[in-house]
Protein backbone atom coordinates (compact mmCIF):
# COMPACT_ATOMS: atom_id res chain seq x y z
CA MET A 1 -0.04 -0.38 0.12
CA TYR A 2 0.98 3.52 -0.47
CA ILE A 3 0.31 5.50 2.75
CA ASN A 4 1.53 9.07 3.91
CA GLY A 5 4.38 8.97 1.21
CA LYS A 6 5.79 5.54 2.09
CA CYS A 7 5.14 2.08 0.58
CA VAL A 8 4.28 -0.03 2.99
CA GLU A 9 3.14 -3.84 3.78
CA GLY A 10 -0.65 -4.27 3.95
CA ALA A 11 -1.75 -5.48 7.28
CA GLY A 12 -5.18 -6.87 6.18
CA GLU A 13 -6.04 -9.93 4.58
CA LYS A 14 -3.90 -11.77 1.91
CA LEU A 15 -5.19 -11.71 -1.42
CA ASP A 16 -3.96 -14.14 -4.68
CA VAL A 17 -4.28 -12.06 -7.97
CA THR A 18 -4.49 -14.34 -10.70
CA CYS A 19 -4.08 -13.62 -14.50
CA PRO A 20 -7.57 -14.29 -15.96
CA ALA A 21 -5.98 -15.47 -19.22
CA THR A 22 -3.93 -18.49 -17.67
CA GLY A 23 -5.77 -18.95 -14.25
CA GLY A 24 -2.14 -18.68 -12.81
CA LEU A 25 -1.06 -16.75 -9.83
CA LEU A 26 0.51 -13.79 -10.37
CA GLU A 27 1.26 -12.58 -7.02
CA THR A 28 -0.38 -12.83 -3.72
CA ILE A 29 -0.64 -9.38 -1.65
CA SER A 30 -1.38 -8.10 1.66
CA THR A 31 -4.29 -5.85 1.59
CA ALA A 32 -4.97 -2.91 3.77
CA SER A 33 -6.52 -3.12 7.05
CA THR A 34 -9.04 -0.79 8.50
CA GLU A 35 -6.19 1.21 10.55
CA GLN A 36 -4.18 1.61 7.42
CA ALA A 37 -7.51 2.92 5.57
CA ASP A 38 -7.72 5.48 8.53
CA GLU A 39 -3.90 6.25 8.27
CA ALA A 40 -4.50 6.97 4.78
CA LEU A 41 -7.53 9.15 5.44
CA GLU A 42 -5.71 11.10 8.25
CA ALA A 43 -2.61 11.76 6.15
CA ALA A 44 -4.96 13.10 3.44
CA GLN A 45 -6.64 15.16 5.51
CA ALA A 46 -3.21 16.42 7.44
CA ALA A 47 -1.76 17.18 3.99
CA PHE A 48 -4.39 19.07 2.41
CA PRO A 49 -3.74 22.53 4.23
CA SER A 50 -0.17 22.73 2.77
CA TRP A 51 -0.93 21.03 -0.51
CA SER A 52 -3.71 23.16 -1.07
CA ARG A 53 -1.75 26.53 -0.29
CA LEU A 54 1.06 25.52 -3.21
CA SER A 55 1.15 27.39 -6.06
CA LEU A 56 -0.43 25.82 -9.03
CA ASN A 57 2.71 25.89 -10.90
CA GLU A 58 4.33 24.00 -7.93
CA ARG A 59 1.29 21.30 -7.77
CA ILE A 60 1.97 20.79 -11.68
CA GLY A 61 5.74 20.30 -11.09
CA TRP A 62 4.73 17.75 -9.36
CA MET A 63 2.33 16.03 -11.56
CA MET A 64 4.83 16.16 -14.32
CA LYS A 65 7.40 14.45 -12.38
CA LEU A 66 5.14 11.53 -11.68
CA LYS A 67 4.30 11.54 -15.24
CA ASP A 68 7.65 11.27 -16.21
CA ALA A 69 8.32 8.67 -13.69
CA CYS A 70 5.03 6.60 -15.07
CA LEU A 71 6.53 6.86 -18.79
CA ALA A 72 9.99 5.38 -17.70
CA GLU A 73 8.07 2.18 -16.60
CA LYS A 74 5.58 2.32 -19.14
CA ASP A 75 6.63 -1.44 -20.22
CA VAL A 76 6.58 -2.54 -16.57
CA ILE A 77 2.80 -1.12 -15.83
CA ILE A 78 1.44 -2.10 -19.44
CA ASP A 79 2.37 -5.62 -18.62
CA LEU A 80 1.23 -5.69 -15.10
CA MET A 81 -2.38 -4.65 -16.57
CA ALA A 82 -2.17 -7.08 -19.31
CA LYS A 83 -1.59 -9.68 -17.00
CA GLU A 84 -3.75 -9.03 -13.89
CA GLY A 85 -6.89 -8.03 -16.20
CA GLY A 86 -6.25 -10.38 -19.46
CA LYS A 87 -6.23 -7.20 -22.00
CA SER A 88 -4.54 -7.52 -25.01
CA TYR A 89 -1.38 -5.67 -24.87
CA LYS A 90 -3.17 -2.99 -27.61
CA GLU A 91 -5.49 -2.48 -25.19
CA ALA A 92 -3.30 -1.80 -21.96
CA GLY A 93 -1.02 0.37 -24.22
CA ASN A 94 -4.49 2.50 -25.04
CA ASP A 95 -5.30 2.40 -20.96
CA PHE A 96 -1.78 3.39 -20.19
CA ASN A 97 -1.93 6.17 -22.93
CA ALA A 98 -5.36 7.70 -21.62
CA PHE A 99 -3.91 7.87 -18.11
CA ILE A 100 -1.06 9.85 -19.22
CA SER A 101 -2.76 12.34 -21.20
CA TYR A 102 -4.92 13.48 -18.02
CA PHE A 103 -1.74 14.79 -16.28
CA GLY A 104 -1.49 17.10 -19.40
CA TYR A 105 -5.09 18.02 -19.30
CA TYR A 106 -5.94 18.64 -15.95
CA ALA A 107 -2.63 20.48 -15.39
CA GLU A 108 -3.62 22.89 -17.98
CA GLU A 109 -7.63 23.32 -17.29
CA ALA A 110 -6.50 23.81 -13.62
CA LYS A 111 -4.99 27.15 -14.79
CA ARG A 112 -8.60 28.46 -16.47
CA VAL A 113 -10.42 27.76 -12.99
CA TYR A 114 -11.38 31.54 -12.66
CA GLY A 115 -13.84 33.28 -9.93
CA THR A 116 -16.64 35.77 -10.77
CA ASP A 117 -17.62 39.19 -10.10
CA ILE A 118 -21.41 39.58 -9.38
CA PRO A 119 -23.19 42.86 -9.60
CA GLU A 120 -25.28 44.27 -6.94
CA TYR A 121 -28.88 44.87 -8.27
CA GLY A 122 -29.98 48.08 -6.84
CA GLY A 123 -26.81 48.34 -4.90
CA ARG A 124 -24.65 51.56 -4.65
CA ARG A 125 -21.41 51.50 -6.80
CA GLY A 126 -18.14 50.42 -4.91
CA ASN A 127 -19.81 47.46 -3.53
CA PHE A 128 -17.90 44.26 -4.28
CA HIS A 129 -19.33 40.34 -4.39
CA VAL A 130 -16.95 37.68 -5.91
CA VAL A 131 -17.27 33.93 -6.26
CA LEU A 132 -14.14 32.15 -5.29
CA LYS A 133 -13.55 28.55 -6.03
CA ARG A 134 -11.32 26.77 -3.27
CA PRO A 135 -10.51 22.74 -3.33
CA VAL A 136 -12.88 20.46 -1.55
CA GLY A 137 -10.47 18.72 0.43
CA VAL A 138 -9.82 14.90 0.88
CA VAL A 139 -11.31 12.95 -1.92
CA VAL A 140 -11.96 8.96 -1.63
CA GLY A 141 -11.92 7.45 -5.24
CA HIS A 142 -13.26 3.56 -5.31
CA LEU A 143 -11.86 2.08 -8.83
CA ALA A 144 -13.29 -0.21 -11.41
CA TRP A 145 -11.10 -3.25 -12.77
CA ASN A 146 -11.74 -2.76 -16.24
CA MET A 147 -9.57 0.24 -16.85
CA PRO A 148 -7.33 -0.05 -13.89
CA VAL A 149 -4.68 3.11 -14.51
CA SER A 150 -6.81 5.23 -16.68
CA ASN A 151 -9.11 5.29 -13.53
CA VAL A 152 -6.58 6.14 -11.13
CA GLY A 153 -5.32 9.01 -13.54
CA LEU A 154 -9.46 9.95 -13.64
CA LYS A 155 -9.59 10.67 -9.78
CA MET A 156 -5.63 11.71 -8.96
CA CYS A 157 -4.84 14.09 -11.71
CA PRO A 158 -7.98 16.29 -10.94
CA SER A 159 -7.49 16.15 -7.48
CA MET A 160 -3.92 16.81 -7.71
CA ALA A 161 -4.46 19.84 -10.07
CA SER A 162 -6.94 21.43 -7.99
CA GLY A 163 -4.99 21.15 -4.58
CA CYS A 164 -7.20 18.17 -3.06
CA THR A 165 -5.65 15.04 -1.48
CA CYS A 166 -6.90 11.63 -2.17
CA VAL A 167 -7.21 8.34 -1.18
CA LEU A 168 -7.65 5.93 -4.12
CA LYS A 169 -8.96 2.11 -3.38
CA PRO A 170 -8.41 -0.08 -6.78
CA SER A 171 -10.52 -3.05 -7.21
CA THR A 172 -9.02 -6.32 -5.75
CA GLU A 173 -9.41 -7.97 -9.16
CA THR A 174 -6.78 -5.60 -10.54
CA PRO A 175 -4.61 -3.74 -7.92
CA LEU A 176 -0.93 -4.27 -9.29
CA ALA A 177 -0.72 -1.56 -12.12
CA SER A 178 -2.58 0.73 -9.53
CA LEU A 179 0.06 0.27 -6.80
CA LYS A 180 2.82 0.35 -9.06
CA ILE A 181 1.92 4.40 -9.22
CA GLY A 182 2.12 4.30 -5.66
CA GLU A 183 5.58 3.15 -5.96
CA LEU A 184 6.36 6.04 -8.44
CA CYS A 185 4.97 8.28 -5.93
CA GLU A 186 7.24 7.47 -3.50
CA LYS A 187 10.34 7.53 -5.71
CA ILE A 188 9.66 10.67 -6.68
CA GLY A 189 9.33 12.07 -3.16
CA LEU A 190 5.82 13.33 -3.93
CA PRO A 191 5.05 15.29 -0.58
CA ALA A 192 3.07 12.72 2.21
CA GLY A 193 -0.61 12.41 2.04
CA VAL A 194 -1.25 14.28 -1.34
CA VAL A 195 -2.05 10.73 -3.09
CA ASN A 196 -2.66 7.34 -0.66
CA ILE A 197 -3.15 4.10 -2.82
CA VAL A 198 -5.01 1.33 -0.48
CA THR A 199 -6.78 -1.78 -1.61
CA GLY A 200 -8.76 -4.49 -0.04
CA ARG A 201 -12.40 -5.92 -0.67
CA ALA A 202 -15.06 -3.36 -1.04
CA SER A 203 -17.28 -4.77 1.75
CA VAL A 204 -14.27 -3.91 3.87
CA ILE A 205 -12.09 -1.26 2.91
CA GLY A 206 -14.21 0.30 0.68
CA ASN A 207 -17.03 0.91 2.89
CA HIS A 208 -14.68 1.86 5.69
CA LEU A 209 -13.68 4.91 3.47
CA SER A 210 -16.85 5.59 2.72
CA ARG A 211 -18.14 5.83 6.14
CA SER A 212 -15.30 8.15 7.49
CA LYS A 213 -16.28 11.91 7.97
CA ILE A 214 -12.95 12.86 6.68
CA PRO A 215 -13.66 12.91 3.03
CA ALA A 216 -15.09 15.66 1.53
CA MET A 217 -16.03 13.71 -1.91
CA VAL A 218 -16.75 10.39 -2.76
CA ALA A 219 -15.88 9.26 -6.26
CA VAL A 220 -17.13 5.92 -7.77
CA ILE A 221 -16.54 4.24 -10.77
CA GLY A 222 -18.40 0.90 -11.34
CA SER A 223 -21.89 -0.15 -11.17
CA SER A 224 -25.07 1.57 -10.22
CA SER A 225 -25.79 -0.97 -7.67
CA VAL A 226 -22.38 -0.13 -6.51
CA GLY A 227 -23.25 3.69 -6.61
CA VAL A 228 -26.35 3.28 -4.25
CA GLU A 229 -24.51 1.31 -1.81
CA VAL A 230 -21.73 3.85 -1.66
CA MET A 231 -24.16 6.80 -0.96
CA LYS A 232 -25.69 4.69 1.89
CA ASN A 233 -22.21 3.91 3.49
CA ALA A 234 -21.26 7.87 3.09
CA SER A 235 -24.32 9.22 4.83
CA THR A 236 -22.69 9.45 8.18
CA SER A 237 -21.73 12.97 6.93
CA VAL A 238 -22.58 15.17 4.29
CA LYS A 239 -20.47 14.58 1.20
CA ARG A 240 -20.10 15.60 -2.63
CA PHE A 241 -20.37 12.59 -4.56
CA SER A 242 -19.11 12.32 -8.39
CA MET A 243 -20.26 8.86 -9.83
CA GLU A 244 -19.31 7.31 -13.19
CA LEU A 245 -22.08 4.08 -13.16
CA GLY A 246 -23.58 1.52 -15.40
CA GLY A 247 -25.09 1.82 -18.45
CA ASN A 248 -27.35 -0.24 -20.83
CA ALA A 249 -26.50 1.66 -24.54
CA PRO A 250 -28.55 1.92 -27.10
CA CYS A 251 -27.29 1.88 -30.72
CA ILE A 252 -29.85 2.97 -33.08
CA ILE A 253 -28.75 2.14 -36.74
CA MET A 254 -30.82 4.03 -39.54
CA PRO A 255 -31.45 2.76 -43.40
CA ASP A 256 -29.11 5.81 -44.24
CA CYS A 257 -25.85 4.95 -42.47
CA ASP A 258 -22.88 3.97 -44.23
CA LEU A 259 -23.85 0.24 -43.42
CA GLU A 260 -19.92 -1.40 -43.80
CA GLU A 261 -18.57 1.23 -41.58
CA THR A 262 -21.32 0.78 -39.31
CA ALA A 263 -21.30 -2.98 -38.78
CA LYS A 264 -17.51 -2.82 -38.49
CA PHE A 265 -17.67 -0.22 -35.89
CA VAL A 266 -20.36 -2.47 -33.61
CA ALA A 267 -18.25 -5.29 -34.20
CA ASP A 268 -15.32 -3.84 -32.91
CA ARG A 269 -16.66 -1.65 -30.02
CA LYS A 270 -18.42 -4.64 -28.67
CA VAL A 271 -15.30 -6.47 -28.10
CA ARG A 272 -13.27 -3.52 -26.47
CA ILE A 273 -11.82 -5.01 -23.22
CA SER A 274 -14.07 -8.07 -23.94
CA GLY A 275 -17.01 -5.73 -23.85
CA GLN A 276 -16.34 -5.13 -20.00
CA GLY A 277 -16.89 -1.32 -20.49
CA CYS A 278 -20.12 0.64 -18.97
CA ALA A 279 -20.27 2.74 -22.21
CA ASN A 280 -20.07 -0.34 -24.54
CA ILE A 281 -23.27 -1.06 -26.99
CA ASN A 282 -25.56 -3.36 -25.03
CA ARG A 283 -28.90 -2.92 -27.56
CA ILE A 284 -28.38 -2.93 -31.16
CA PHE A 285 -31.75 -1.30 -32.58
CA VAL A 286 -31.84 -2.34 -36.48
CA HIS A 287 -34.24 -0.39 -39.02
CA GLU A 288 -36.20 -3.34 -40.21
CA SER A 289 -35.50 -2.48 -43.95
CA ILE A 290 -31.87 -3.15 -43.40
CA HIS A 291 -31.83 -5.75 -40.63
CA ASP A 292 -30.79 -8.64 -42.90
CA VAL A 293 -27.88 -6.94 -44.85
CA PHE A 294 -26.49 -5.61 -41.52
CA VAL A 295 -26.41 -8.91 -39.55
CA GLU A 296 -24.63 -10.31 -42.54
CA LYS A 297 -22.09 -7.94 -42.58
CA LEU A 298 -21.73 -7.85 -38.36
CA LEU A 299 -21.70 -11.55 -38.56
CA GLY A 300 -18.60 -11.18 -41.21
CA TYR A 301 -16.59 -8.90 -38.92
CA VAL A 302 -17.21 -11.02 -35.48
CA LYS A 303 -16.26 -13.96 -37.29
CA LYS A 304 -12.88 -12.40 -37.43
CA VAL A 305 -12.47 -11.75 -34.07
CA GLN A 306 -9.29 -13.64 -32.81
CA VAL A 307 -9.91 -15.02 -29.03
CA GLY A 308 -6.73 -15.29 -27.12
CA TRP A 309 -4.14 -13.68 -24.99
CA SER A 310 -0.22 -13.33 -25.34
CA GLY A 311 1.97 -10.77 -26.49
CA ASP A 312 2.03 -12.26 -29.76
CA MET A 313 -1.53 -11.78 -30.28
CA PRO A 314 -1.48 -7.69 -29.60
CA ASN A 315 -4.85 -7.40 -31.18
CA ALA A 316 -6.77 -10.13 -30.00
CA MET A 317 -9.79 -10.44 -27.58
CA GLY A 318 -8.70 -11.54 -24.29
CA PRO A 319 -10.37 -13.29 -21.71
CA MET A 320 -13.37 -12.49 -19.04
CA ILE A 321 -12.32 -10.91 -15.87
CA ASN A 322 -12.68 -14.27 -14.30
CA VAL A 323 -14.43 -17.36 -14.51
CA LYS A 324 -17.63 -16.70 -12.79
CA THR A 325 -17.98 -13.43 -15.51
CA ARG A 326 -17.54 -15.74 -18.27
CA ASP A 327 -20.12 -18.34 -17.21
CA ARG A 328 -22.39 -15.51 -16.56
CA MET A 329 -22.13 -14.73 -20.14
CA ILE A 330 -22.97 -18.47 -21.30
CA HIS A 331 -25.80 -18.02 -19.12
CA LEU A 332 -27.20 -15.20 -20.64
CA VAL A 333 -26.80 -16.68 -24.15
CA GLU A 334 -28.87 -19.55 -23.20
CA GLU A 335 -31.56 -17.96 -21.48
CA ALA A 336 -32.12 -15.28 -24.25
CA GLN A 337 -32.31 -18.26 -26.48
CA LYS A 338 -34.92 -19.81 -24.14
CA GLU A 339 -36.85 -16.50 -24.44
CA GLY A 340 -36.97 -16.63 -27.88
CA ALA A 341 -33.47 -15.40 -29.40
CA LYS A 342 -31.75 -16.82 -32.05
CA LEU A 343 -28.19 -17.39 -31.47
CA LEU A 344 -26.64 -16.89 -34.84
CA TYR A 345 -22.72 -17.52 -33.62
CA GLY A 346 -20.48 -18.33 -30.93
CA GLY A 347 -21.48 -18.05 -26.93
CA ASN A 348 -19.43 -20.88 -26.43
CA ILE A 349 -15.82 -21.63 -24.58
CA PRO A 350 -13.11 -21.91 -27.47
CA GLU A 351 -10.31 -24.31 -28.47
CA LEU A 352 -7.68 -22.67 -27.02
CA PRO A 353 -3.70 -23.98 -26.37
CA ASP A 354 -2.86 -25.70 -23.06
CA GLU A 355 -1.72 -22.73 -21.38
CA LEU A 356 -4.88 -20.89 -21.85
CA LYS A 357 -6.99 -23.81 -20.87
CA ASN A 358 -7.93 -22.45 -17.31
CA GLY A 359 -8.36 -18.94 -18.79
CA ALA A 360 -12.02 -17.06 -18.67
CA PHE A 361 -12.52 -17.36 -22.42
CA PHE A 362 -15.71 -16.73 -24.14
CA VAL A 363 -16.17 -16.58 -27.91
CA PRO A 364 -18.07 -13.37 -28.72
CA ALA A 365 -21.85 -14.35 -29.43
CA VAL A 366 -24.46 -12.70 -31.75
CA LEU A 367 -28.25 -13.07 -31.02
CA ASP A 368 -31.00 -12.33 -33.31
CA GLY A 369 -34.83 -11.40 -32.96
CA VAL A 370 -34.14 -10.27 -29.33
CA THR A 371 -36.91 -8.30 -27.75
CA ASP A 372 -37.13 -5.44 -25.11
CA GLU A 373 -38.82 -8.10 -22.79
CA MET A 374 -36.07 -10.30 -22.37
CA SER A 375 -34.09 -10.20 -19.56
CA ILE A 376 -30.69 -9.67 -21.57
CA THR A 377 -32.29 -6.45 -22.97
CA GLN A 378 -33.41 -5.26 -18.98
CA GLN A 379 -29.45 -5.35 -17.82
CA GLU A 380 -25.95 -4.34 -18.23
CA ILE A 381 -24.27 -7.17 -20.44
CA PHE A 382 -20.70 -6.24 -19.64
CA GLY A 383 -19.47 -8.48 -22.36
CA PRO A 384 -19.26 -9.12 -25.75
CA ILE A 385 -22.46 -10.40 -26.67
CA TYR A 386 -24.34 -8.67 -30.07
CA SER A 387 -28.49 -8.51 -29.00
CA VAL A 388 -29.98 -7.32 -32.31
CA LEU A 389 -33.45 -5.97 -32.07
CA THR A 390 -35.32 -4.52 -35.14
CA PHE A 391 -37.56 -1.37 -35.28
CA LYS A 392 -39.83 0.25 -37.60
CA ASP A 393 -39.89 4.20 -37.10
CA LEU A 394 -37.99 6.73 -35.26
CA ASP A 395 -40.74 7.65 -32.79
CA GLU A 396 -40.75 3.53 -31.90
CA VAL A 397 -37.11 3.20 -31.53
CA VAL A 398 -36.63 6.40 -29.18
CA GLU A 399 -39.52 5.42 -26.86
CA ARG A 400 -37.74 1.83 -26.67
CA ALA A 401 -34.36 2.91 -26.41
CA ASN A 402 -35.46 5.20 -23.39
CA LYS A 403 -37.04 2.09 -21.75
CA THR A 404 -34.46 1.57 -19.07
CA ASP A 405 -33.38 3.20 -15.65
CA LEU A 406 -29.96 3.88 -16.77
CA GLY A 407 -28.63 6.80 -19.37
CA LEU A 408 -24.85 6.96 -19.70
CA THR A 409 -23.71 6.65 -23.43
CA GLY A 410 -25.79 6.18 -26.91
CA TYR A 411 -25.16 5.46 -30.21
CA LEU A 412 -26.66 6.92 -33.37
CA PHE A 413 -25.97 5.90 -36.97
CA THR A 414 -27.42 8.44 -39.94
CA HIS A 415 -27.14 11.49 -41.94
CA ASP A 416 -30.49 12.72 -41.54
CA SER A 417 -30.38 16.01 -39.39
CA ARG A 418 -33.99 15.81 -38.48
CA VAL A 419 -33.22 12.25 -36.73
CA ILE A 420 -29.97 13.68 -35.43
CA GLY A 421 -31.69 16.34 -33.75
CA ARG A 422 -34.51 14.56 -32.36
CA CYS A 423 -32.20 12.00 -30.74
CA ILE A 424 -30.21 14.85 -29.26
CA GLU A 425 -33.54 16.09 -27.51
CA ASP A 426 -35.22 13.01 -26.75
CA VAL A 427 -32.91 10.16 -26.52
CA GLU A 428 -32.27 9.83 -22.41
CA VAL A 429 -28.21 9.53 -22.32
CA GLY A 430 -25.63 11.74 -20.93
CA GLU A 431 -23.41 11.57 -24.19
CA LEU A 432 -24.98 10.66 -27.56
CA GLN A 433 -22.11 9.77 -30.03
CA VAL A 434 -23.24 10.23 -33.85
CA ASN A 435 -21.21 8.48 -36.69
CA GLN A 436 -17.78 7.18 -34.80
CA PRO A 437 -16.98 10.45 -33.33
CA GLY A 438 -13.51 10.79 -31.52
CA ALA A 439 -13.12 11.08 -27.88
CA GLY A 440 -10.17 12.40 -25.53
CA PRO A 441 -9.61 14.01 -21.98
CA ASN A 442 -11.47 17.06 -22.53
CA MET A 443 -14.49 15.16 -23.89
CA PRO A 444 -16.92 14.89 -20.69
CA HIS A 445 -18.11 11.21 -19.73
CA ILE A 446 -21.55 11.74 -18.61
CA GLY A 447 -24.02 9.50 -16.48
CA ILE A 448 -27.86 10.82 -16.18
CA LYS A 449 -30.71 8.77 -14.84
CA GLN A 450 -29.65 5.94 -12.70
CA SER A 451 -25.99 6.00 -14.54
CA GLY A 452 -24.48 8.53 -12.44
CA LEU A 453 -23.96 12.06 -10.76
CA GLY A 454 -21.22 14.52 -12.44
CA CYS A 455 -19.01 13.20 -14.79
CA ASP A 456 -15.14 11.84 -15.68
CA ARG A 457 -12.93 13.92 -17.97
CA GLY A 458 -13.49 17.56 -19.32
CA LYS A 459 -13.53 20.76 -17.56
CA TRP A 460 -16.88 20.34 -15.81
CA SER A 461 -15.17 17.09 -13.87
CA LEU A 462 -12.73 19.27 -12.43
CA GLU A 463 -15.38 21.77 -11.30
CA GLU A 464 -16.31 18.88 -9.13
CA TYR A 465 -13.03 19.17 -7.01
CA TYR A 466 -13.78 22.80 -5.92
CA ASP A 467 -16.22 24.37 -3.22
CA ILE A 468 -17.49 27.82 -4.46
CA ARG A 469 -17.26 30.56 -2.03
CA ARG A 470 -19.20 34.08 -1.91
CA ILE A 471 -16.97 37.31 -0.36
CA SER A 472 -19.37 40.12 -0.16
CA ILE A 473 -17.48 43.56 0.49
CA GLN A 474 -18.83 47.39 1.31
CA PRO A 475 -15.53 49.19 1.42
């Protein structure tokens, strides 16, 4: 664990970290004890006054030192992520690159956090009213396992840039690369308590961190049920929440889309991180007039997906995070078939070399004839299952797309400006992506409904790390 500027042995229970591609043991670590969680919180609290009063340039200087230290260990961090999460080495590299991008983005964006002068209606000239922004204090970050290092960056970088201090809790599924960041914080001599990284079971260490009265803000990347649980546990005091939670993303495909490009995007997007992403496509709504040709093209691309894992297969779709999750995928496919869906491809355990026999691998499944009533459309799949539904007109598909409590990401493929305008207004998601747009650290990732509070990335996420204070002066 990295607590108060030092790497220390965890005093909690032992945790075996395994590789989901091989089933083999990577490392046995000692997790944090609740006493160590308290030490981390108290260290962050003690460090806050001095860190928040450092000049912005000094804080940025420390961020750049840490960024350089991480870049020097790039290959090590990528290898850890690939092994502990079963990521392809390409995806692990993408995760690392996103992590690095947050240093520069938040360092620069913090320079543009300004106060505001407010006029006094009816008051005499010479009175002054201003709004200042100040860092909130200690931030606790509960991180997800699917993109471990970039998740560290999403919470650590705005915290450091704003003048907050933080305690981060990586998932017990993928703690190694995140804990490596703690080692590098110690190596550069980062002021003690500014960043603390502890891991342990969510039911023990996670709940303990949330219940503490020290944090001013609790940030979560996880499922919607996790978000609700964290809010319950954190109700010991008034806290701010920033939550990026689960999704049930609709993908609406209109007849005028670029069919080949759309099929390829859907096929590729669904197998990123083996489908284990909250913004991943969940329900593929295809207009009935293009259904047959779209499915044919989709199948062509899905059948080309290489399943496996090794440094010699940098682009292959890796395993699920564990065997339990893989078995859930098999169950979802079987359940959908019982409910009337047709399995067109996949949904089974692939034949792989002996060294991968114990891995949590799953062949991407394509299901056709899926309906809104099926259980597979009522939940976040979080895996490489393509659920194809058909629709007749825009009114119908908008209504059906909104039949979920979740509202994170939505996808739309069309070149009709009237359709785009209607979906912008009426599809209930925090982010609507039309025709494969780009992304970056400046683009907010937003959940509405039961998919979150606030956002990750973008200037709006940085604003969550500040309180506003009004100062009124009559000279």
